[in-house]
Amino acid sequence: MDREWFLTSDNERRYYLQLLARALRQTDWRCVAYCLMSNHLHFAMIAGEKNLESWAKKVR
């Protein structure tokens, strides 16, 4: 992301969280914590059996 801001408003943060929730419903991975910042994200995940790469593409 080259340190560019991509979450610049509360509406964008809410929308991203909706995308995250939708993507999590489609996988067996579980998110136990997250931190959204303006220019990057952190997730603490519990691994499932499915490939994480296919899930991550849904929330990029």
PDB file of N, CA and C in Angstrom:
ATOM      1  N   MET A   1       0.818  -1.193   0.000  1.00  0.00           N
ATOM      2  CA  MET A   1       0.000   0.000   0.000  1.00  0.00           C
ATOM      3  C   MET A   1       0.866   1.263   0.000  1.00  0.00           C
ATOM      4  N   ASP A   2       2.151   1.122   0.141  1.00  0.00           N
ATOM      5  CA  ASP A   2       3.072   2.255   0.084  1.00  0.00           C
ATOM      6  C   ASP A   2       2.714   3.365   1.065  1.00  0.00           C
ATOM      7  N   ARG A   3       2.162   2.996   2.196  1.00  0.00           N
ATOM      8  CA  ARG A   3       1.810   3.942   3.254  1.00  0.00           C
ATOM      9  C   ARG A   3       0.775   4.987   2.840  1.00  0.00           C
ATOM     10  N   GLU A   4       0.090   4.734   1.734  1.00  0.00           N
ATOM     11  CA  GLU A   4      -0.989   5.631   1.336  1.00  0.00           C
ATOM     12  C   GLU A   4      -2.220   5.323   2.173  1.00  0.00           C
ATOM     13  N   TRP A   5      -2.971   6.328   2.500  1.00  0.00           N
ATOM     14  CA  TRP A   5      -4.194   6.122   3.263  1.00  0.00           C
ATOM     15  C   TRP A   5      -5.254   5.532   2.348  1.00  0.00           C
ATOM     16  N   PHE A   6      -5.890   4.477   2.801  1.00  0.00           N
ATOM     17  CA  PHE A   6      -6.967   3.903   2.001  1.00  0.00           C
ATOM     18  C   PHE A   6      -8.266   3.825   2.783  1.00  0.00           C
ATOM     19  N   LEU A   7      -8.228   4.016   4.083  1.00  0.00           N
ATOM     20  CA  LEU A   7      -9.442   4.128   4.899  1.00  0.00           C
ATOM     21  C   LEU A   7      -9.454   5.548   5.455  1.00  0.00           C
ATOM     22  N   THR A   8     -10.167   6.428   4.785  1.00  0.00           N
ATOM     23  CA  THR A   8     -10.069   7.845   5.128  1.00  0.00           C
ATOM     24  C   THR A   8     -11.289   8.404   5.848  1.00  0.00           C
ATOM     25  N   SER A   9     -12.320   7.592   6.014  1.00  0.00           N
ATOM     26  CA  SER A   9     -13.519   8.090   6.699  1.00  0.00           C
ATOM     27  C   SER A   9     -14.163   6.962   7.502  1.00  0.00           C
ATOM     28  N   ASP A  10     -15.030   7.341   8.408  1.00  0.00           N
ATOM     29  CA  ASP A  10     -15.760   6.335   9.186  1.00  0.00           C
ATOM     30  C   ASP A  10     -16.619   5.458   8.278  1.00  0.00           C
ATOM     31  N   ASN A  11     -17.200   6.053   7.236  1.00  0.00           N
ATOM     32  CA  ASN A  11     -18.009   5.265   6.298  1.00  0.00           C
ATOM     33  C   ASN A  11     -17.171   4.211   5.600  1.00  0.00           C
ATOM     34  N   GLU A  12     -15.947   4.550   5.206  1.00  0.00           N
ATOM     35  CA  GLU A  12     -15.067   3.570   4.570  1.00  0.00           C
ATOM     36  C   GLU A  12     -14.682   2.467   5.546  1.00  0.00           C
ATOM     37  N   ARG A  13     -14.442   2.812   6.796  1.00  0.00           N
ATOM     38  CA  ARG A  13     -14.110   1.797   7.807  1.00  0.00           C
ATOM     39  C   ARG A  13     -15.286   0.849   8.025  1.00  0.00           C
ATOM     40  N   ARG A  14     -16.488   1.405   8.123  1.00  0.00           N
ATOM     41  CA  ARG A  14     -17.684   0.567   8.294  1.00  0.00           C
ATOM     42  C   ARG A  14     -17.875  -0.362   7.101  1.00  0.00           C
ATOM     43  N   TYR A  15     -17.695   0.166   5.901  1.00  0.00           N
ATOM     44  CA  TYR A  15     -17.836  -0.645   4.695  1.00  0.00           C
ATOM     45  C   TYR A  15     -16.808  -1.770   4.688  1.00  0.00           C
ATOM     46  N   TYR A  16     -15.561  -1.461   5.039  1.00  0.00           N
ATOM     47  CA  TYR A  16     -14.524  -2.495   5.070  1.00  0.00           C
ATOM     48  C   TYR A  16     -14.878  -3.574   6.087  1.00  0.00           C
ATOM     49  N   LEU A  17     -15.395  -3.186   7.246  1.00  0.00           N
ATOM     50  CA  LEU A  17     -15.784  -4.179   8.253  1.00  0.00           C
ATOM     51  C   LEU A  17     -16.924  -5.056   7.749  1.00  0.00           C
ATOM     52  N   GLN A  18     -17.831  -4.496   6.955  1.00  0.00           N
ATOM     53  CA  GLN A  18     -18.891  -5.300   6.350  1.00  0.00           C
ATOM     54  C   GLN A  18     -18.304  -6.313   5.369  1.00  0.00           C
ATOM     55  N   LEU A  19     -17.325  -5.880   4.567  1.00  0.00           N
ATOM     56  CA  LEU A  19     -16.650  -6.813   3.652  1.00  0.00           C
ATOM     57  C   LEU A  19     -15.937  -7.911   4.424  1.00  0.00           C
ATOM     58  N   LEU A  20     -15.274  -7.539   5.502  1.00  0.00           N
ATOM     59  CA  LEU A  20     -14.575  -8.512   6.337  1.00  0.00           C
ATOM     60  C   LEU A  20     -15.554  -9.536   6.901  1.00  0.00           C
ATOM     61  N   ALA A  21     -16.673  -9.075   7.435  1.00  0.00           N
ATOM     62  CA  ALA A  21     -17.671  -9.989   8.004  1.00  0.00           C
ATOM     63  C   ALA A  21     -18.205 -10.942   6.938  1.00  0.00           C
ATOM     64  N   ARG A  22     -18.489 -10.421   5.756  1.00  0.00           N
ATOM     65  CA  ARG A  22     -18.996 -11.267   4.668  1.00  0.00           C
ATOM     66  C   ARG A  22     -17.960 -12.316   4.274  1.00  0.00           C
ATOM     67  N   ALA A  23     -16.706 -11.908   4.159  1.00  0.00           N
ATOM     68  CA  ALA A  23     -15.644 -12.849   3.787  1.00  0.00           C
ATOM     69  C   ALA A  23     -15.453 -13.906   4.864  1.00  0.00           C
ATOM     70  N   LEU A  24     -15.547 -13.527   6.136  1.00  0.00           N
ATOM     71  CA  LEU A  24     -15.370 -14.498   7.220  1.00  0.00           C
ATOM     72  C   LEU A  24     -16.484 -15.538   7.237  1.00  0.00           C
ATOM     73  N   ARG A  25     -17.685 -15.148   6.826  1.00  0.00           N
ATOM     74  CA  ARG A  25     -18.789 -16.115   6.772  1.00  0.00           C
ATOM     75  C   ARG A  25     -18.557 -17.179   5.702  1.00  0.00           C
ATOM     76  N   GLN A  26     -17.652 -16.910   4.769  1.00  0.00           N
ATOM     77  CA  GLN A  26     -17.396 -17.828   3.662  1.00  0.00           C
ATOM     78  C   GLN A  26     -16.172 -18.702   3.881  1.00  0.00           C
ATOM     79  N   THR A  27     -15.624 -18.717   5.082  1.00  0.00           N
ATOM     80  CA  THR A  27     -14.432 -19.513   5.362  1.00  0.00           C
ATOM     81  C   THR A  27     -14.529 -20.129   6.748  1.00  0.00           C
ATOM     82  N   ASP A  28     -13.633 -21.057   7.019  1.00  0.00           N
ATOM     83  CA  ASP A  28     -13.588 -21.646   8.357  1.00  0.00           C
ATOM     84  C   ASP A  28     -12.506 -20.995   9.224  1.00  0.00           C
ATOM     85  N   TRP A  29     -11.845 -19.961   8.712  1.00  0.00           N
ATOM     86  CA  TRP A  29     -10.918 -19.177   9.529  1.00  0.00           C
ATOM     87  C   TRP A  29     -11.732 -18.262  10.439  1.00  0.00           C
ATOM     88  N   ARG A  30     -11.188 -17.932  11.601  1.00  0.00           N
ATOM     89  CA  ARG A  30     -11.873 -17.053  12.550  1.00  0.00           C
ATOM     90  C   ARG A  30     -10.980 -15.876  12.916  1.00  0.00           C
ATOM     91  N   CYS A  31     -11.564 -14.707  12.927  1.00  0.00           N
ATOM     92  CA  CYS A  31     -10.850 -13.496  13.324  1.00  0.00           C
ATOM     93  C   CYS A  31     -11.147 -13.255  14.803  1.00  0.00           C
ATOM     94  N   VAL A  32     -10.106 -13.262  15.629  1.00  0.00           N
ATOM     95  CA  VAL A  32     -10.302 -13.049  17.066  1.00  0.00           C
ATOM     96  C   VAL A  32      -9.988 -11.616  17.468  1.00  0.00           C
ATOM     97  N   ALA A  33      -9.271 -10.889  16.613  1.00  0.00           N
ATOM     98  CA  ALA A  33      -8.980  -9.477  16.876  1.00  0.00           C
ATOM     99  C   ALA A  33      -8.562  -8.819  15.566  1.00  0.00           C
ATOM    100  N   TYR A  34      -8.827  -7.542  15.479  1.00  0.00           N
ATOM    101  CA  TYR A  34      -8.383  -6.790  14.313  1.00  0.00           C
ATOM    102  C   TYR A  34      -8.107  -5.353  14.724  1.00  0.00           C
ATOM    103  N   CYS A  35      -7.325  -4.678  13.913  1.00  0.00           N
ATOM    104  CA  CYS A  35      -7.045  -3.263  14.112  1.00  0.00           C
ATOM    105  C   CYS A  35      -6.996  -2.618  12.735  1.00  0.00           C
ATOM    106  N   LEU A  36      -7.923  -1.707  12.486  1.00  0.00           N
ATOM    107  CA  LEU A  36      -7.946  -0.983  11.222  1.00  0.00           C
ATOM    108  C   LEU A  36      -7.294   0.372  11.436  1.00  0.00           C
ATOM    109  N   MET A  37      -6.272   0.642  10.664  1.00  0.00           N
ATOM    110  CA  MET A  37      -5.649   1.958  10.687  1.00  0.00           C
ATOM    111  C   MET A  37      -5.803   2.572   9.307  1.00  0.00           C
ATOM    112  N   SER A  38      -5.494   3.811   9.181  1.00  0.00           N
ATOM    113  CA  SER A  38      -5.736   4.498   7.912  1.00  0.00           C
ATOM    114  C   SER A  38      -4.950   3.915   6.753  1.00  0.00           C
ATOM    115  N   ASN A  39      -3.765   3.362   7.045  1.00  0.00           N
ATOM    116  CA  ASN A  39      -2.943   2.891   5.933  1.00  0.00           C
ATOM    117  C   ASN A  39      -2.514   1.433   6.032  1.00  0.00           C
ATOM    118  N   HIS A  40      -2.981   0.711   7.045  1.00  0.00           N
ATOM    119  CA  HIS A  40      -2.713  -0.727   7.105  1.00  0.00           C
ATOM    120  C   HIS A  40      -3.634  -1.393   8.117  1.00  0.00           C
ATOM    121  N   LEU A  41      -3.611  -2.715   8.118  1.00  0.00           N
ATOM    122  CA  LEU A  41      -4.521  -3.515   8.941  1.00  0.00           C
ATOM    123  C   LEU A  41      -3.731  -4.564   9.699  1.00  0.00           C
ATOM    124  N   HIS A  42      -4.273  -4.992  10.828  1.00  0.00           N
ATOM    125  CA  HIS A  42      -3.721  -6.130  11.567  1.00  0.00           C
ATOM    126  C   HIS A  42      -4.873  -7.075  11.883  1.00  0.00           C
ATOM    127  N   PHE A  43      -4.626  -8.376  11.734  1.00  0.00           N
ATOM    128  CA  PHE A  43      -5.612  -9.391  12.077  1.00  0.00           C
ATOM    129  C   PHE A  43      -4.961 -10.451  12.942  1.00  0.00           C
ATOM    130  N   ALA A  44      -5.667 -10.925  13.948  1.00  0.00           N
ATOM    131  CA  ALA A  44      -5.282 -12.130  14.686  1.00  0.00           C
ATOM    132  C   ALA A  44      -6.315 -13.180  14.297  1.00  0.00           C
ATOM    133  N   MET A  45      -5.843 -14.227  13.632  1.00  0.00           N
ATOM    134  CA  MET A  45      -6.745 -15.220  13.061  1.00  0.00           C
ATOM    135  C   MET A  45      -6.481 -16.598  13.650  1.00  0.00           C
ATOM    136  N   ILE A  46      -7.534 -17.393  13.741  1.00  0.00           N
ATOM    137  CA  ILE A  46      -7.414 -18.812  14.063  1.00  0.00           C
ATOM    138  C   ILE A  46      -7.553 -19.562  12.745  1.00  0.00           C
ATOM    139  N   ALA A  47      -6.538 -20.338  12.420  1.00  0.00           N
ATOM    140  CA  ALA A  47      -6.487 -21.015  11.124  1.00  0.00           C
ATOM    141  C   ALA A  47      -7.553 -22.084  11.005  1.00  0.00           C
ATOM    142  N   GLY A  48      -8.101 -22.165   9.821  1.00  0.00           N
ATOM    143  CA  GLY A  48      -9.021 -23.229   9.471  1.00  0.00           C
ATOM    144  C   GLY A  48      -8.352 -24.159   8.476  1.00  0.00           C
ATOM    145  N   GLU A  49      -9.151 -24.979   7.843  1.00  0.00           N
ATOM    146  CA  GLU A  49      -8.634 -25.928   6.859  1.00  0.00           C
ATOM    147  C   GLU A  49      -8.483 -25.295   5.480  1.00  0.00           C
ATOM    148  N   LYS A  50      -9.272 -24.276   5.192  1.00  0.00           N
ATOM    149  CA  LYS A  50      -9.259 -23.665   3.867  1.00  0.00           C
ATOM    150  C   LYS A  50      -8.024 -22.787   3.684  1.00  0.00           C
ATOM    151  N   ASN A  51      -7.683 -22.557   2.429  1.00  0.00           N
ATOM    152  CA  ASN A  51      -6.546 -21.738   2.057  1.00  0.00           C
ATOM    153  C   ASN A  51      -6.818 -20.271   2.388  1.00  0.00           C
ATOM    154  N   LEU A  52      -5.947 -19.638   3.145  1.00  0.00           N
ATOM    155  CA  LEU A  52      -6.137 -18.239   3.524  1.00  0.00           C
ATOM    156  C   LEU A  52      -6.017 -17.301   2.331  1.00  0.00           C
ATOM    157  N   GLU A  53      -5.222 -17.642   1.352  1.00  0.00           N
ATOM    158  CA  GLU A  53      -5.030 -16.752   0.204  1.00  0.00           C
ATOM    159  C   GLU A  53      -6.343 -16.477  -0.514  1.00  0.00           C
ATOM    160  N   SER A  54      -7.159 -17.490  -0.693  1.00  0.00           N
ATOM    161  CA  SER A  54      -8.434 -17.284  -1.379  1.00  0.00           C
ATOM    162  C   SER A  54      -9.351 -16.378  -0.564  1.00  0.00           C
ATOM    163  N   TRP A  55      -9.283 -16.463   0.748  1.00  0.00           N
ATOM    164  CA  TRP A  55     -10.073 -15.589   1.613  1.00  0.00           C
ATOM    165  C   TRP A  55      -9.551 -14.159   1.547  1.00  0.00           C
ATOM    166  N   ALA A  56      -8.249 -13.995   1.616  1.00  0.00           N
ATOM    167  CA  ALA A  56      -7.657 -12.659   1.650  1.00  0.00           C
ATOM    168  C   ALA A  56      -7.995 -11.862   0.394  1.00  0.00           C
ATOM    169  N   LYS A  57      -8.134 -12.524  -0.736  1.00  0.00           N
ATOM    170  CA  LYS A  57      -8.488 -11.829  -1.970  1.00  0.00           C
ATOM    171  C   LYS A  57      -9.860 -11.177  -1.861  1.00  0.00           C
ATOM    172  N   LYS A  58     -10.725 -11.710  -1.024  1.00  0.00           N
ATOM    173  CA  LYS A  58     -12.076 -11.172  -0.893  1.00  0.00           C
ATOM    174  C   LYS A  58     -12.110  -9.872  -0.107  1.00  0.00           C
ATOM    175  N   VAL A  59     -11.100  -9.614   0.709  1.00  0.00           N
ATOM    176  CA  VAL A  59     -11.121  -8.402   1.532  1.00  0.00           C
ATOM    177  C   VAL A  59     -10.076  -7.374   1.105  1.00  0.00           C
ATOM    178  N   ARG A  60      -9.380  -7.622   0.031  1.00  0.00           N
ATOM    179  CA  ARG A  60      -8.408  -6.628  -0.467  1.00  0.00           C
ATOM    180  C   ARG A  60      -9.097  -5.546  -1.233  1.00  0.00           C
TER     181      ARG A  60
END
